[in-house]
Amino acid sequence: MLMNETPALAGADTARLSVPKIAVIAAAFVALLVLYWSTAVSMVAVWNSSDTFAHGYVIAPISLWLIWRRREVFARIPAAPYWPALGMLALCGGAWLLARAGEVQVVMQYAFVAMFPAVALAVLGRRLAGALAFPLLFLLFAVPFGEAFVQPLINFTADFTVAAVRATGIPVLRNGTLFELPTGNWSVVEACSGVRYLISSITLGCLYAYLSYRSIKRRVMFIALSVVVPIIANGLRAYMIVMIGHMSGMELATGVDHLIYGWLFFGLVMFIMFWIGSYWREDEAIPAPAGAASQAAATPSAGSVAGVAIGAVLVAALWPALGAVSDKAAYNPAPVRLDGARLASAPAGAPAWSPEFMAPDAALRGRYTAAGAPVHLNVLYYRNQGPDKRLISSVNRVDKRADNYRQTGSSGRIETIGGKPLALRETRVKGPDGNYLVWHSTWVDGRFLSNDYLGKLHQAKAKLMMHGDDGAAVMLATPLGEHPDAARATLRTFLEANLAPLQATLEAAREH
């Protein structure tokens, strides 16, 4: 009986996925890579530059291995072209184009990677692609995403650590993410946020859940556990590091050794989590293959597979072409000029405080006086933005770490200036020469915004409408002192006198 099944299965496999079909499918995937080569390169660049996302190199090999594990489905299910999937591919392409116009790299990367499952659905069909859904969707883990969680994780880690240390009976003086113990000072920074642990845990958790469980309920529960456990574990890790440093008089766990300890602790936590999860493991049931004759009759021709593959390549090629047309129409070769003479106040020198942003096309900087207090103004103007020059980017910071300025808190705020609401972000920055209160607003497509996501949408809209992508960051700071309301009054006074001239300066720069 076993000897009879093997030839049948082999014959079905040959009928299902012949060499011409494999060549057509592979060509469609290679075409995606060629058409969106710059986006693929941007992902690899992040993998190279950040240890947090170095796992991106192994995602595609793991995905291929998972497909190889399920290779019997190619013998059971025909590759039936599914034309409606081209609509899904078009949505991915539209999202890529919109993100490209707004210079949102992570959305471009997600849209690009999502095209691979969409093409697989088109050329393989709903049944076959559905049987390989997880290996195909696992490719999304190759996208270097997670920077958005850094600040919330920093805040949680600081809250957890301070609460745990105080519960131990040790007094703590806290200022944002900085806190002081009797034995020394501590700061929760990006490396302590636990984002690496979280991303690693979620990736491994999803893979483990897929390989170990069959029921959706168990998979979802384990994945949820892989999200919660590293966050709590990182809080415990930070607490134990602080306690080791405190108990040793700041001799231990204060340098590279606390990072090594962190990874050892994380590895132990993950091992325990997977070990416990193994008690609910469900073995995979292997379905019996259908008869070769009935399967071969339902197998579509290589020509029909080639037809949908060509359609997929044409749909995918549309969006880079539209992007090139948009770039050419929106490009403005004129140099940017910012005229500071329009301001109602005269500068008294260079600002003592400045942000850490990508190099702008033009800048207007100065130290002014309002309500008897100094106001440090920084206006950074951007045009023809790209990967190395962005108005809105996660690498742009109000605090300048190179000069030992650190952010200690930030929140949204609406101020009424000249009878009109002004959206801005209020940030407290601790520096070597004291504390500053910073107001920051982003000027995009002729309006001031405080939300980066809205800013990106307006930037994308302006570029796609051929208006260009001009925008500016407007930031002003004043010494915080003991009374924040007094500092706010100083900044408010400066804006009452200078917001309209600032807006006129930006509009004039945009029109030339």
Protein backbone atom coordinates (compact mmCIF):
# COMPACT_ATOMS: atom_id res chain seq x y z
CA MET A 1 0.00 0.00 0.00
CA LEU A 2 2.79 2.45 0.89
CA MET A 3 4.64 1.59 -2.32
CA ASN A 4 1.57 2.48 -4.41
CA GLU A 5 1.02 5.85 -2.70
CA THR A 6 4.54 7.17 -3.28
CA PRO A 7 4.41 7.21 -7.12
CA ALA A 8 0.93 8.71 -7.03
CA LEU A 9 2.08 11.49 -4.74
CA ALA A 10 5.13 12.14 -6.87
CA GLY A 11 3.03 12.21 -10.02
CA ALA A 12 0.56 14.62 -8.44
CA ASP A 13 3.41 16.83 -7.28
CA THR A 14 4.80 16.98 -10.82
CA ALA A 15 1.39 17.83 -12.25
CA ARG A 16 0.73 20.42 -9.62
CA LEU A 17 3.98 22.38 -9.71
CA SER A 18 5.78 21.79 -12.99
CA VAL A 19 9.04 23.49 -13.91
CA PRO A 20 7.33 26.14 -16.10
CA LYS A 21 5.01 27.08 -13.22
CA ILE A 22 7.89 27.29 -10.76
CA ALA A 23 9.79 29.52 -13.21
CA VAL A 24 6.78 31.84 -13.69
CA ILE A 25 6.14 32.15 -9.95
CA ALA A 26 9.82 32.77 -9.20
CA ALA A 27 9.98 35.39 -11.97
CA ALA A 28 7.03 37.27 -10.44
CA PHE A 29 8.75 37.41 -7.04
CA VAL A 30 12.07 38.47 -8.58
CA ALA A 31 10.25 41.23 -10.49
CA LEU A 32 8.91 42.60 -7.20
CA LEU A 33 12.42 42.71 -5.80
CA VAL A 34 13.72 44.54 -8.88
CA LEU A 35 10.86 47.06 -9.01
CA TYR A 36 11.19 47.93 -5.32
CA TRP A 37 14.93 47.45 -5.00
CA SER A 38 15.48 50.75 -3.16
CA THR A 39 12.93 49.79 -0.51
CA ALA A 40 14.56 46.38 -0.06
CA VAL A 41 17.96 48.07 0.27
CA SER A 42 16.57 50.43 2.93
CA MET A 43 15.52 47.41 5.01
CA VAL A 44 18.95 45.80 4.72
CA ALA A 45 20.57 49.10 5.71
CA VAL A 46 18.59 49.08 8.97
CA TRP A 47 19.49 45.43 9.61
CA ASN A 48 23.14 46.36 9.21
CA SER A 49 23.03 49.45 11.41
CA SER A 50 20.90 48.23 14.31
CA ASP A 51 21.35 45.11 16.44
CA THR A 52 17.65 45.38 17.31
CA PHE A 53 16.68 44.39 13.76
CA ALA A 54 19.60 42.13 12.79
CA HIS A 55 17.17 39.18 12.90
CA GLY A 56 15.78 40.45 9.58
CA TYR A 57 18.41 38.41 7.74
CA VAL A 58 16.95 35.09 8.92
CA ILE A 59 13.26 35.83 8.31
CA ALA A 60 13.20 34.90 4.60
CA PRO A 61 15.19 31.65 5.16
CA ILE A 62 12.83 30.68 7.98
CA SER A 63 9.83 31.44 5.77
CA LEU A 64 11.24 29.23 3.00
CA TRP A 65 11.94 26.47 5.51
CA LEU A 66 8.35 26.67 6.80
CA ILE A 67 7.07 26.36 3.22
CA TRP A 68 9.37 23.37 2.67
CA ARG A 69 7.90 21.72 5.79
CA ARG A 70 4.46 22.03 4.18
CA ARG A 71 5.58 20.93 0.73
CA GLU A 72 3.00 18.13 0.69
CA VAL A 73 0.28 20.74 0.12
CA PHE A 74 1.61 21.29 -3.40
CA ALA A 75 0.68 17.67 -4.14
CA ARG A 76 -2.80 18.03 -2.67
CA ILE A 77 -3.86 21.50 -3.83
CA PRO A 78 -3.57 22.89 -7.36
CA ALA A 79 -2.04 26.28 -8.06
CA ALA A 80 -5.24 27.96 -9.27
CA PRO A 81 -4.83 31.64 -10.30
CA TYR A 82 -6.92 34.06 -8.24
CA TRP A 83 -7.35 37.32 -10.14
CA PRO A 84 -9.07 39.33 -7.34
CA ALA A 85 -5.77 39.21 -5.45
CA LEU A 86 -4.49 41.82 -7.91
CA GLY A 87 -6.79 44.29 -6.15
CA MET A 88 -4.98 43.53 -2.87
CA LEU A 89 -1.68 44.02 -4.67
CA ALA A 90 -2.89 47.39 -5.96
CA LEU A 91 -3.79 48.45 -2.39
CA CYS A 92 -0.27 47.55 -1.27
CA GLY A 93 1.15 49.57 -4.15
CA GLY A 94 -1.06 52.57 -3.34
CA ALA A 95 0.03 52.43 0.29
CA TRP A 96 3.67 52.28 -0.83
CA LEU A 97 3.21 55.34 -3.06
CA LEU A 98 1.46 57.33 -0.33
CA ALA A 99 4.16 56.41 2.21
CA ARG A 100 6.86 57.29 -0.32
CA ALA A 101 5.37 60.74 -0.84
CA GLY A 102 5.27 61.25 2.91
CA GLU A 103 8.74 59.74 3.45
CA VAL A 104 7.37 57.11 5.86
CA GLN A 105 9.96 54.42 5.35
CA VAL A 106 8.45 51.76 7.60
CA VAL A 107 5.08 51.90 5.79
CA MET A 108 6.87 51.66 2.45
CA GLN A 109 8.67 48.57 3.71
CA TYR A 110 5.51 46.92 5.04
CA ALA A 111 3.66 47.63 1.79
CA PHE A 112 6.56 46.16 -0.19
CA VAL A 113 6.82 42.98 1.89
CA ALA A 114 3.01 42.55 1.88
CA MET A 115 3.18 42.37 -1.93
CA PHE A 116 4.81 38.94 -1.72
CA PRO A 117 1.84 37.24 0.01
CA ALA A 118 -0.48 39.15 -2.38
CA VAL A 119 1.39 37.83 -5.44
CA ALA A 120 1.44 34.34 -3.91
CA LEU A 121 -2.33 34.54 -3.47
CA ALA A 122 -2.72 35.64 -7.10
CA VAL A 123 -0.57 32.90 -8.66
CA LEU A 124 -1.25 30.04 -6.20
CA GLY A 125 -4.91 30.63 -5.42
CA ARG A 126 -6.87 30.90 -2.19
CA ARG A 127 -6.57 27.26 -1.12
CA LEU A 128 -2.85 26.80 -1.71
CA ALA A 129 -1.87 30.26 -0.46
CA GLY A 130 -4.18 29.78 2.51
CA ALA A 131 -2.38 26.56 3.43
CA LEU A 132 0.88 28.54 3.42
CA ALA A 133 -0.54 31.67 5.06
CA PHE A 134 1.76 31.76 8.10
CA PRO A 135 5.04 31.17 6.20
CA LEU A 136 4.04 33.93 3.75
CA LEU A 137 2.92 36.40 6.41
CA PHE A 138 5.97 35.61 8.54
CA LEU A 139 7.92 37.69 6.00
CA LEU A 140 6.42 40.81 7.61
CA PHE A 141 8.76 40.29 10.57
CA ALA A 142 11.61 41.27 8.24
CA VAL A 143 10.42 44.89 8.37
CA PRO A 144 12.49 46.81 10.96
CA PHE A 145 9.61 48.17 13.01
CA GLY A 146 9.51 48.93 16.71
CA GLU A 147 11.09 52.37 17.21
CA ALA A 148 7.63 53.78 17.94
CA PHE A 149 7.51 51.67 21.11
CA VAL A 150 10.82 52.91 22.51
CA GLN A 151 9.53 55.95 24.41
CA PRO A 152 6.46 54.16 25.92
CA LEU A 153 8.73 51.29 26.98
CA ILE A 154 11.23 53.74 28.50
CA ASN A 155 8.42 55.37 30.47
CA PHE A 156 7.05 51.99 31.66
CA THR A 157 10.51 50.77 32.66
CA ALA A 158 11.18 53.98 34.60
CA ASP A 159 7.77 53.77 36.33
CA PHE A 160 8.26 50.07 37.18
CA THR A 161 11.83 50.50 38.42
CA VAL A 162 11.11 53.54 40.59
CA ALA A 163 8.00 51.90 42.09
CA ALA A 164 9.91 48.67 42.82
CA VAL A 165 12.88 50.49 44.39
CA ARG A 166 10.57 52.58 46.59
CA ALA A 167 8.69 49.42 47.59
CA THR A 168 12.06 48.02 48.71
CA GLY A 169 12.33 50.96 51.11
CA ILE A 170 14.98 52.98 49.27
CA PRO A 171 14.25 56.70 48.71
CA VAL A 172 14.21 57.80 45.05
CA LEU A 173 14.19 61.31 43.58
CA ARG A 174 12.79 61.18 40.04
CA ASN A 175 12.94 63.67 37.16
CA GLY A 176 11.33 62.12 34.08
CA THR A 177 13.40 59.08 33.11
CA LEU A 178 16.26 60.20 35.37
CA PHE A 179 16.25 59.17 39.03
CA GLU A 180 18.63 59.42 41.94
CA LEU A 181 19.33 56.96 44.76
CA PRO A 182 21.51 57.68 47.79
CA THR A 183 24.31 55.68 46.14
CA GLY A 184 24.16 57.10 42.61
CA ASN A 185 22.22 58.34 39.60
CA TRP A 186 20.41 56.25 36.99
CA SER A 187 18.79 56.94 33.63
CA VAL A 188 16.49 54.81 31.48
CA VAL A 189 17.66 55.26 27.87
CA GLU A 190 16.90 53.51 24.57
CA ALA A 191 19.19 50.56 25.32
CA CYS A 192 17.24 49.96 28.55
CA SER A 193 13.78 50.23 26.96
CA GLY A 194 13.56 46.50 26.27
CA VAL A 195 12.45 47.00 22.66
CA ARG A 196 15.02 44.41 21.52
CA TYR A 197 13.64 41.87 23.97
CA LEU A 198 10.07 42.66 22.91
CA ILE A 199 10.72 42.32 19.16
CA SER A 200 12.72 39.12 19.65
CA SER A 201 10.07 37.66 21.94
CA ILE A 202 7.17 38.42 19.59
CA THR A 203 9.03 36.97 16.59
CA LEU A 204 10.01 33.80 18.43
CA GLY A 205 6.62 33.59 20.12
CA CYS A 206 4.72 33.65 16.83
CA LEU A 207 7.04 31.04 15.32
CA TYR A 208 6.79 28.81 18.39
CA ALA A 209 2.99 29.13 18.52
CA TYR A 210 2.70 28.15 14.84
CA LEU A 211 4.97 25.13 15.21
CA SER A 212 3.64 23.91 18.56
CA TYR A 213 -0.11 24.54 18.51
CA ARG A 214 -2.96 23.83 16.12
CA SER A 215 -5.85 25.65 17.81
CA ILE A 216 -6.24 29.39 17.23
CA LYS A 217 -7.00 29.94 20.92
CA ARG A 218 -3.71 28.45 22.13
CA ARG A 219 -1.72 30.30 19.50
CA VAL A 220 -3.27 33.66 20.39
CA MET A 221 -2.74 33.06 24.12
CA PHE A 222 0.94 32.19 23.66
CA ILE A 223 1.56 35.17 21.38
CA ALA A 224 -0.13 37.46 23.93
CA LEU A 225 2.16 35.95 26.56
CA SER A 226 5.19 36.66 24.37
CA VAL A 227 4.16 40.34 24.35
CA VAL A 228 3.49 40.75 28.07
CA VAL A 229 6.35 38.66 29.49
CA PRO A 230 9.31 40.62 27.99
CA ILE A 231 7.82 43.95 29.09
CA ILE A 232 7.46 42.79 32.69
CA ALA A 233 10.79 40.95 32.53
CA ASN A 234 12.56 44.09 31.36
CA GLY A 235 11.12 46.01 34.30
CA LEU A 236 12.40 43.33 36.67
CA ARG A 237 15.78 43.35 34.90
CA ALA A 238 16.09 47.12 35.33
CA TYR A 239 15.08 46.89 38.98
CA MET A 240 17.63 44.14 39.71
CA ILE A 241 20.39 46.08 37.92
CA VAL A 242 19.66 49.16 40.02
CA MET A 243 19.61 47.05 43.19
CA ILE A 244 22.91 45.32 42.29
CA GLY A 245 24.49 48.72 41.67
CA HIS A 246 23.03 50.12 44.89
CA MET A 247 24.07 47.17 47.07
CA SER A 248 27.61 47.12 45.59
CA GLY A 249 28.16 50.85 46.00
CA MET A 250 27.94 51.35 42.21
CA GLU A 251 30.78 48.89 41.61
CA LEU A 252 28.70 46.30 39.72
CA ALA A 253 26.08 46.47 36.93
CA THR A 254 26.99 50.01 35.91
CA GLY A 255 28.67 49.44 32.53
CA VAL A 256 28.63 46.91 29.72
CA ASP A 257 28.13 44.13 32.26
CA HIS A 258 24.54 45.22 32.91
CA LEU A 259 23.74 44.73 29.19
CA ILE A 260 25.27 41.25 29.29
CA TYR A 261 23.30 40.49 32.43
CA GLY A 262 20.16 41.75 30.67
CA TRP A 263 20.50 39.33 27.76
CA LEU A 264 21.26 36.42 30.08
CA PHE A 265 18.17 37.27 32.12
CA PHE A 266 16.06 37.61 28.97
CA GLY A 267 17.32 34.27 27.64
CA LEU A 268 16.39 32.58 30.90
CA VAL A 269 12.91 34.11 30.85
CA MET A 270 12.32 32.99 27.25
CA PHE A 271 13.52 29.47 28.03
CA ILE A 272 11.11 29.21 30.95
CA MET A 273 8.24 30.57 28.84
CA PHE A 274 8.85 28.07 26.01
CA TRP A 275 9.37 25.23 28.47
CA ILE A 276 6.03 25.92 30.14
CA GLY A 277 4.37 26.30 26.75
CA SER A 278 5.63 22.88 25.68
CA TYR A 279 3.22 21.20 28.13
CA TRP A 280 0.28 22.24 25.92
CA ARG A 281 1.95 21.23 22.64
CA GLU A 282 -0.35 19.85 19.93
CA ASP A 283 1.08 17.50 17.31
CA GLU A 284 0.28 18.36 13.72
CA ALA A 285 -2.07 16.03 11.93
CA ILE A 286 -0.76 15.10 8.46
CA PRO A 287 -3.63 14.85 5.94
CA ALA A 288 -3.76 11.91 3.58
CA PRO A 289 -3.02 12.80 -0.07
CA ALA A 290 -5.84 12.76 -2.54
CA GLY A 291 -5.81 10.55 -5.62
CA ALA A 292 -3.36 11.61 -8.29
CA ALA A 293 -5.76 11.20 -11.19
CA SER A 294 -8.50 13.44 -9.76
CA GLN A 295 -5.94 16.07 -8.79
CA ALA A 296 -4.23 16.17 -12.19
CA ALA A 297 -7.58 16.82 -13.89
CA ALA A 298 -8.12 19.96 -11.84
CA THR A 299 -4.62 21.35 -12.40
CA PRO A 300 -4.63 24.65 -14.36
CA SER A 301 -2.19 25.16 -17.20
CA ALA A 302 1.10 26.96 -16.91
CA GLY A 303 -0.32 29.58 -19.29
CA SER A 304 -3.07 30.61 -16.87
CA VAL A 305 -0.53 30.91 -14.06
CA ALA A 306 1.70 32.98 -16.35
CA GLY A 307 -1.21 35.26 -17.20
CA VAL A 308 -1.96 36.21 -13.62
CA ALA A 309 1.78 36.51 -12.87
CA ILE A 310 2.20 39.01 -15.74
CA GLY A 311 -0.85 40.90 -14.47
CA ALA A 312 0.69 41.04 -10.99
CA VAL A 313 3.98 42.41 -12.34
CA LEU A 314 2.16 45.11 -14.34
CA VAL A 315 0.11 46.16 -11.29
CA ALA A 316 3.24 46.26 -9.13
CA ALA A 317 5.15 48.28 -11.76
CA LEU A 318 2.49 51.02 -11.87
CA TRP A 319 3.36 52.57 -8.49
CA PRO A 320 7.11 53.14 -8.92
CA ALA A 321 6.27 54.75 -12.29
CA LEU A 322 3.75 57.09 -10.65
CA GLY A 323 6.30 57.86 -7.94
CA ALA A 324 8.89 58.86 -10.52
CA VAL A 325 6.38 61.17 -12.25
CA SER A 326 5.42 62.73 -8.90
CA ASP A 327 9.06 63.29 -7.95
CA LYS A 328 9.81 65.05 -11.21
CA ALA A 329 6.76 67.32 -11.02
CA ALA A 330 7.21 68.20 -7.32
CA TYR A 331 10.98 68.76 -7.40
CA ASN A 332 12.00 72.37 -6.70
CA PRO A 333 15.64 73.18 -7.56
CA ALA A 334 15.52 76.70 -6.13
CA PRO A 335 17.58 77.33 -2.96
CA VAL A 336 15.68 78.08 0.23
CA ARG A 337 15.96 81.57 1.73
CA LEU A 338 14.65 82.43 5.20
CA ASP A 339 14.43 86.17 5.89
CA GLY A 340 14.77 86.78 9.62
CA ALA A 341 14.23 90.51 9.13
CA ARG A 342 10.47 89.91 9.09
CA LEU A 343 10.46 89.06 12.81
CA ALA A 344 9.25 91.74 15.21
CA SER A 345 12.18 91.07 17.55
CA ALA A 346 15.89 91.50 16.85
CA PRO A 347 18.27 88.63 17.75
CA ALA A 348 20.77 89.19 20.55
CA GLY A 349 23.08 86.40 19.44
CA ALA A 350 23.15 82.65 18.72
CA PRO A 351 20.85 80.34 20.72
CA ALA A 352 22.43 78.43 23.59
CA TRP A 353 20.06 75.51 22.98
CA SER A 354 19.55 73.78 19.63
CA PRO A 355 17.84 70.52 18.62
CA GLU A 356 19.41 67.47 16.97
CA PHE A 357 17.80 67.24 13.53
CA MET A 358 18.85 66.12 10.08
CA ALA A 359 20.64 68.90 8.22
CA PRO A 360 18.01 71.30 6.77
CA ASP A 361 18.13 73.24 3.51
CA ALA A 362 18.00 76.49 5.47
CA ALA A 363 17.85 77.55 9.11
CA LEU A 364 16.86 80.62 11.08
CA ARG A 365 18.39 80.70 14.54
CA GLY A 366 18.74 83.33 17.21
CA ARG A 367 18.47 84.28 20.86
CA TYR A 368 15.72 86.80 21.53
CA THR A 369 14.11 88.44 24.55
CA ALA A 370 10.43 88.29 25.54
CA ALA A 371 8.85 89.37 28.83
CA GLY A 372 12.34 89.98 30.17
CA ALA A 373 13.51 86.38 29.61
CA PRO A 374 15.65 84.81 26.86
CA VAL A 375 13.97 82.86 24.04
CA HIS A 376 16.06 80.53 21.87
CA LEU A 377 14.56 80.15 18.37
CA ASN A 378 15.38 77.41 15.85
CA VAL A 379 13.55 77.26 12.51
CA LEU A 380 14.69 74.40 10.24
CA TYR A 381 13.38 74.37 6.65
CA TYR A 382 13.35 71.27 4.38
CA ARG A 383 12.77 70.89 0.63
CA ASN A 384 13.03 67.90 -1.75
CA GLN A 385 13.13 65.52 1.19
CA GLY A 386 14.66 62.06 1.05
CA PRO A 387 16.15 59.34 3.27
CA ASP A 388 18.99 61.61 4.41
CA LYS A 389 16.94 64.78 4.81
CA ARG A 390 13.58 64.56 6.54
CA LEU A 391 11.52 67.05 8.48
CA ILE A 392 9.65 64.33 10.38
CA SER A 393 11.84 61.41 11.40
CA SER A 394 12.45 59.25 14.45
CA VAL A 395 16.10 60.35 14.43
CA ASN A 396 15.17 64.03 14.84
CA ARG A 397 15.31 64.98 18.51
CA VAL A 398 14.47 68.06 20.52
CA ASP A 399 17.20 67.11 22.98
CA LYS A 400 20.76 67.08 21.70
CA ARG A 401 22.48 64.09 23.28
CA ALA A 402 25.89 65.08 21.88
CA ASP A 403 25.77 68.25 24.02
CA ASN A 404 24.36 66.37 27.03
CA TYR A 405 20.78 67.62 26.67
CA ARG A 406 18.12 65.08 27.66
CA GLN A 407 14.35 65.08 27.37
CA THR A 408 12.55 64.57 30.69
CA GLY A 409 8.93 64.85 29.58
CA SER A 410 6.72 65.74 26.61
CA SER A 411 3.01 66.36 25.97
CA GLY A 412 0.68 67.90 23.41
CA ARG A 413 -0.64 71.41 23.90
CA ILE A 414 -2.98 73.90 22.24
CA GLU A 415 -2.16 77.59 22.63
CA THR A 416 -4.27 80.50 21.46
CA ILE A 417 -2.02 82.92 19.57
CA GLY A 418 -3.49 85.93 17.80
CA GLY A 419 -6.97 84.61 18.51
CA LYS A 420 -6.30 81.32 16.70
CA PRO A 421 -5.42 77.87 18.09
CA LEU A 422 -1.84 76.69 17.61
CA ALA A 423 -1.04 72.98 17.98
CA LEU A 424 2.37 72.26 19.47
CA ARG A 425 4.32 69.88 21.66
CA GLU A 426 5.73 70.97 25.01
CA THR A 427 8.95 69.26 26.02
CA ARG A 428 11.14 69.63 29.08
CA VAL A 429 14.85 69.32 28.40
CA LYS A 430 17.57 69.01 31.02
CA GLY A 431 20.94 70.40 29.92
CA PRO A 432 24.36 71.22 31.34
CA ASP A 433 23.34 74.86 31.75
CA GLY A 434 19.92 74.19 33.30
CA ASN A 435 16.43 73.09 32.35
CA TYR A 436 14.52 74.35 29.31
CA LEU A 437 10.86 74.42 28.32
CA VAL A 438 10.60 73.79 24.57
CA TRP A 439 7.61 74.45 22.28
CA HIS A 440 7.77 72.63 18.97
CA SER A 441 5.38 72.82 16.00
CA THR A 442 5.72 71.43 12.48
CA TRP A 443 4.76 73.59 9.50
CA VAL A 444 3.55 71.44 6.59
CA ASP A 445 1.59 72.50 3.51
CA GLY A 446 0.89 75.93 5.01
CA ARG A 447 -0.37 74.82 8.44
CA PHE A 448 1.09 74.22 11.88
CA LEU A 449 0.71 70.69 13.31
CA SER A 450 1.88 68.90 16.44
CA ASN A 451 1.07 65.33 15.36
CA ASP A 452 3.76 63.66 13.25
CA TYR A 453 1.27 61.28 11.63
CA LEU A 454 -0.91 64.15 10.44
CA GLY A 455 2.22 65.93 9.31
CA LYS A 456 3.22 62.96 7.16
CA LEU A 457 -0.27 62.73 5.64
CA HIS A 458 -0.30 66.43 4.73
CA GLN A 459 3.22 66.13 3.31
CA ALA A 460 2.19 63.15 1.17
CA LYS A 461 -0.94 64.96 -0.02
CA ALA A 462 1.02 68.09 -0.98
CA LYS A 463 3.61 66.08 -2.89
CA LEU A 464 1.07 63.94 -4.77
CA MET A 465 -0.84 67.12 -5.68
CA MET A 466 2.44 68.43 -7.16
CA HIS A 467 2.75 71.18 -4.53
CA GLY A 468 6.18 70.03 -3.38
CA ASP A 469 7.16 68.69 0.03
CA ASP A 470 8.38 71.90 1.69
CA GLY A 471 8.07 71.97 5.48
CA ALA A 472 9.71 73.39 8.56
CA ALA A 473 10.24 72.68 12.24
CA VAL A 474 9.63 75.72 14.46
CA MET A 475 11.10 75.34 17.95
CA LEU A 476 11.55 77.88 20.70
CA ALA A 477 12.86 77.37 24.21
CA THR A 478 13.28 79.35 27.41
CA PRO A 479 14.79 78.51 30.81
CA LEU A 480 12.26 76.56 32.84
CA GLY A 481 13.05 77.87 36.29
CA GLU A 482 10.82 77.04 39.24
CA HIS A 483 7.53 78.08 37.63
CA PRO A 484 6.51 76.45 34.30
CA ASP A 485 3.65 78.91 33.84
CA ALA A 486 6.13 81.79 33.83
CA ALA A 487 8.17 80.04 31.13
CA ARG A 488 4.98 79.43 29.13
CA ALA A 489 4.07 83.11 29.44
CA THR A 490 7.49 84.04 28.01
CA LEU A 491 7.07 81.77 24.98
CA ARG A 492 3.47 82.92 24.52
CA THR A 493 4.57 86.56 24.49
CA PHE A 494 7.22 85.83 21.87
CA LEU A 495 4.72 84.01 19.64
CA GLU A 496 2.11 86.76 19.94
CA ALA A 497 4.64 89.14 18.42
CA ASN A 498 6.35 86.81 15.98
CA LEU A 499 4.07 83.97 14.84
CA ALA A 500 2.55 85.93 11.96
CA PRO A 501 5.97 87.14 10.72
CA LEU A 502 7.30 83.57 11.04
CA GLN A 503 4.44 82.21 8.97
CA ALA A 504 4.97 84.93 6.36
CA THR A 505 8.68 84.03 6.22
CA LEU A 506 7.87 80.36 5.66
CA GLU A 507 5.27 81.13 2.99
CA ALA A 508 7.74 83.39 1.18
CA ALA A 509 10.38 80.66 1.23
CA ARG A 510 7.88 78.14 -0.13
CA GLU A 511 6.89 80.34 -3.07
CA HIS A 512 10.45 80.70 -4.32
